[in-house]
Amino acid sequence: MKPEEVFGINAGKVWHVLKEKGPLSANAIAKETNLKLNEVFGALGWLGREGKIEIIKDKKGLIYKLI
C-alpha cells in the first residue's frame, strides 16, 4: 500500500470520529480510532492540509475540531 493511501485511510477514521464525537485531543482520537499516536498525527496533518480541521489550544493542551 502506498503511503498516501495509509494516510488517507487514517484521515478518514479520524474525520469520522471527530464528526461523531466532536472536538478531541490527539490521545482521545487515538483511543477512539485504535490508531497509534504517530498515525493520528499523520492523519491530522492530512486533514490540516485539506483545510478540514481547526486546532484549539485550551488549558489541557491542543484539541482538534472539524471545520
N, C-alpha and C. Protein backbone atom coordinates (compact mmCIF):
# COMPACT_ATOMS: atom_id res chain seq x y z
N MET A 1 0.84 -1.17 0.00
CA MET A 1 0.00 0.00 0.00
C MET A 1 0.89 1.24 0.00
N LYS A 2 0.52 2.22 -0.77
CA LYS A 2 1.29 3.45 -0.85
C LYS A 2 1.08 4.30 0.40
N PRO A 3 2.11 5.08 0.79
CA PRO A 3 1.98 5.91 1.99
C PRO A 3 0.76 6.83 1.96
N GLU A 4 0.49 7.43 0.81
CA GLU A 4 -0.66 8.35 0.74
C GLU A 4 -1.99 7.62 0.95
N GLU A 5 -2.04 6.34 0.62
CA GLU A 5 -3.25 5.56 0.88
C GLU A 5 -3.42 5.33 2.38
N VAL A 6 -2.32 5.02 3.06
CA VAL A 6 -2.37 4.80 4.51
C VAL A 6 -2.81 6.08 5.21
N PHE A 7 -2.17 7.21 4.86
CA PHE A 7 -2.53 8.48 5.47
C PHE A 7 -3.99 8.83 5.18
N GLY A 8 -4.44 8.59 3.97
CA GLY A 8 -5.82 8.88 3.59
C GLY A 8 -6.82 8.04 4.37
N ILE A 9 -6.53 6.76 4.53
CA ILE A 9 -7.42 5.87 5.29
C ILE A 9 -7.48 6.31 6.75
N ASN A 10 -6.32 6.61 7.33
CA ASN A 10 -6.29 7.05 8.72
C ASN A 10 -6.99 8.39 8.89
N ALA A 11 -6.82 9.28 7.92
CA ALA A 11 -7.50 10.58 7.97
C ALA A 11 -9.01 10.39 7.96
N GLY A 12 -9.49 9.43 7.20
CA GLY A 12 -10.92 9.13 7.17
C GLY A 12 -11.42 8.65 8.52
N LYS A 13 -10.64 7.80 9.19
CA LYS A 13 -11.01 7.32 10.52
C LYS A 13 -11.08 8.47 11.52
N VAL A 14 -10.08 9.34 11.46
CA VAL A 14 -10.05 10.49 12.38
C VAL A 14 -11.22 11.42 12.08
N TRP A 15 -11.47 11.69 10.82
CA TRP A 15 -12.57 12.57 10.42
C TRP A 15 -13.90 12.05 10.96
N HIS A 16 -14.14 10.75 10.80
CA HIS A 16 -15.40 10.16 11.26
C HIS A 16 -15.56 10.27 12.78
N VAL A 17 -14.47 10.05 13.52
CA VAL A 17 -14.54 10.16 14.97
C VAL A 17 -14.81 11.60 15.39
N LEU A 18 -14.14 12.55 14.75
CA LEU A 18 -14.37 13.95 15.11
C LEU A 18 -15.79 14.39 14.75
N LYS A 19 -16.31 13.86 13.66
CA LYS A 19 -17.68 14.20 13.27
C LYS A 19 -18.68 13.63 14.29
N GLU A 20 -18.41 12.42 14.76
CA GLU A 20 -19.31 11.75 15.69
C GLU A 20 -19.19 12.29 17.12
N LYS A 21 -17.95 12.49 17.58
CA LYS A 21 -17.70 12.83 18.99
C LYS A 21 -17.49 14.32 19.25
N GLY A 22 -17.16 15.09 18.21
CA GLY A 22 -16.84 16.50 18.41
C GLY A 22 -15.36 16.67 18.68
N PRO A 23 -14.96 17.87 19.11
CA PRO A 23 -13.53 18.17 19.33
C PRO A 23 -12.89 17.21 20.34
N LEU A 24 -11.69 16.75 20.01
CA LEU A 24 -10.96 15.80 20.85
C LEU A 24 -9.47 16.09 20.84
N SER A 25 -8.78 15.62 21.87
CA SER A 25 -7.32 15.67 21.90
C SER A 25 -6.77 14.55 21.03
N ALA A 26 -5.49 14.62 20.72
CA ALA A 26 -4.85 13.57 19.92
C ALA A 26 -4.91 12.23 20.65
N ASN A 27 -4.72 12.25 21.95
CA ASN A 27 -4.79 10.99 22.72
C ASN A 27 -6.18 10.39 22.68
N ALA A 28 -7.20 11.23 22.79
CA ALA A 28 -8.58 10.74 22.73
C ALA A 28 -8.90 10.19 21.34
N ILE A 29 -8.38 10.85 20.31
CA ILE A 29 -8.59 10.37 18.94
C ILE A 29 -7.94 9.00 18.78
N ALA A 30 -6.73 8.85 19.30
CA ALA A 30 -6.02 7.57 19.21
C ALA A 30 -6.83 6.47 19.89
N LYS A 31 -7.38 6.78 21.05
CA LYS A 31 -8.17 5.79 21.79
C LYS A 31 -9.43 5.41 21.01
N GLU A 32 -10.11 6.40 20.45
CA GLU A 32 -11.37 6.16 19.73
C GLU A 32 -11.17 5.42 18.40
N THR A 33 -10.03 5.66 17.74
CA THR A 33 -9.78 5.07 16.42
C THR A 33 -8.93 3.81 16.46
N ASN A 34 -8.34 3.52 17.62
CA ASN A 34 -7.38 2.42 17.75
C ASN A 34 -6.15 2.62 16.87
N LEU A 35 -5.82 3.88 16.59
CA LEU A 35 -4.60 4.20 15.86
C LEU A 35 -3.50 4.54 16.86
N LYS A 36 -2.25 4.34 16.44
CA LYS A 36 -1.12 4.78 17.25
C LYS A 36 -1.06 6.30 17.17
N LEU A 37 -0.46 6.93 18.18
CA LEU A 37 -0.42 8.39 18.24
C LEU A 37 0.27 8.99 17.01
N ASN A 38 1.35 8.35 16.54
CA ASN A 38 2.03 8.87 15.35
C ASN A 38 1.13 8.78 14.12
N GLU A 39 0.27 7.77 14.06
CA GLU A 39 -0.68 7.64 12.94
C GLU A 39 -1.75 8.73 13.02
N VAL A 40 -2.16 9.06 14.24
CA VAL A 40 -3.14 10.13 14.44
C VAL A 40 -2.56 11.45 13.94
N PHE A 41 -1.31 11.74 14.31
CA PHE A 41 -0.70 12.99 13.89
C PHE A 41 -0.52 13.05 12.37
N GLY A 42 -0.21 11.93 11.75
CA GLY A 42 -0.15 11.89 10.29
C GLY A 42 -1.50 12.19 9.67
N ALA A 43 -2.55 11.61 10.24
CA ALA A 43 -3.91 11.84 9.74
C ALA A 43 -4.33 13.28 9.97
N LEU A 44 -3.99 13.85 11.13
CA LEU A 44 -4.32 15.25 11.39
C LEU A 44 -3.59 16.18 10.43
N GLY A 45 -2.35 15.83 10.10
CA GLY A 45 -1.61 16.61 9.10
C GLY A 45 -2.30 16.58 7.75
N TRP A 46 -2.78 15.42 7.39
CA TRP A 46 -3.51 15.25 6.12
C TRP A 46 -4.77 16.13 6.13
N LEU A 47 -5.54 16.03 7.21
CA LEU A 47 -6.77 16.82 7.32
C LEU A 47 -6.48 18.32 7.38
N GLY A 48 -5.39 18.67 8.04
CA GLY A 48 -4.99 20.07 8.10
C GLY A 48 -4.61 20.61 6.73
N ARG A 49 -3.90 19.82 5.99
CA ARG A 49 -3.50 20.21 4.62
C ARG A 49 -4.73 20.43 3.74
N GLU A 50 -5.78 19.64 3.98
CA GLU A 50 -7.01 19.78 3.22
C GLU A 50 -7.92 20.89 3.77
N GLY A 51 -7.51 21.53 4.86
CA GLY A 51 -8.29 22.60 5.45
C GLY A 51 -9.56 22.12 6.13
N LYS A 52 -9.52 20.93 6.71
CA LYS A 52 -10.72 20.33 7.30
C LYS A 52 -10.75 20.36 8.83
N ILE A 53 -9.65 20.79 9.45
CA ILE A 53 -9.65 20.83 10.91
C ILE A 53 -9.19 22.19 11.42
N GLU A 54 -9.56 22.43 12.65
CA GLU A 54 -9.12 23.61 13.38
C GLU A 54 -8.40 23.11 14.63
N ILE A 55 -7.34 23.79 15.03
CA ILE A 55 -6.60 23.41 16.22
C ILE A 55 -6.89 24.46 17.29
N ILE A 56 -7.37 24.00 18.43
CA ILE A 56 -7.75 24.89 19.52
C ILE A 56 -6.84 24.60 20.72
N LYS A 57 -6.23 25.65 21.26
CA LYS A 57 -5.39 25.47 22.44
C LYS A 57 -6.23 25.78 23.67
N ASP A 58 -6.30 24.81 24.59
CA ASP A 58 -7.00 25.05 25.85
C ASP A 58 -6.04 24.80 27.01
N LYS A 59 -6.56 24.81 28.22
CA LYS A 59 -5.71 24.65 29.42
C LYS A 59 -5.00 23.31 29.46
N LYS A 60 -5.60 22.28 28.88
CA LYS A 60 -5.03 20.93 28.92
C LYS A 60 -4.09 20.64 27.76
N GLY A 61 -4.16 21.41 26.70
CA GLY A 61 -3.32 21.16 25.52
C GLY A 61 -4.06 21.51 24.25
N LEU A 62 -3.80 20.75 23.19
CA LEU A 62 -4.40 21.00 21.91
C LEU A 62 -5.61 20.10 21.67
N ILE A 63 -6.64 20.70 21.10
CA ILE A 63 -7.87 20.00 20.77
C ILE A 63 -8.08 20.16 19.27
N TYR A 64 -8.54 19.13 18.61
CA TYR A 64 -8.74 19.14 17.16
C TYR A 64 -10.23 19.08 16.87
N LYS A 65 -10.67 19.94 15.96
CA LYS A 65 -12.09 20.11 15.66
C LYS A 65 -12.28 20.20 14.16
N LEU A 66 -13.33 19.59 13.65
CA LEU A 66 -13.64 19.73 12.22
C LEU A 66 -14.14 21.14 11.95
N ILE A 67 -13.83 21.62 10.77
CA ILE A 67 -14.31 22.94 10.34
C ILE A 67 -15.62 22.75 9.61
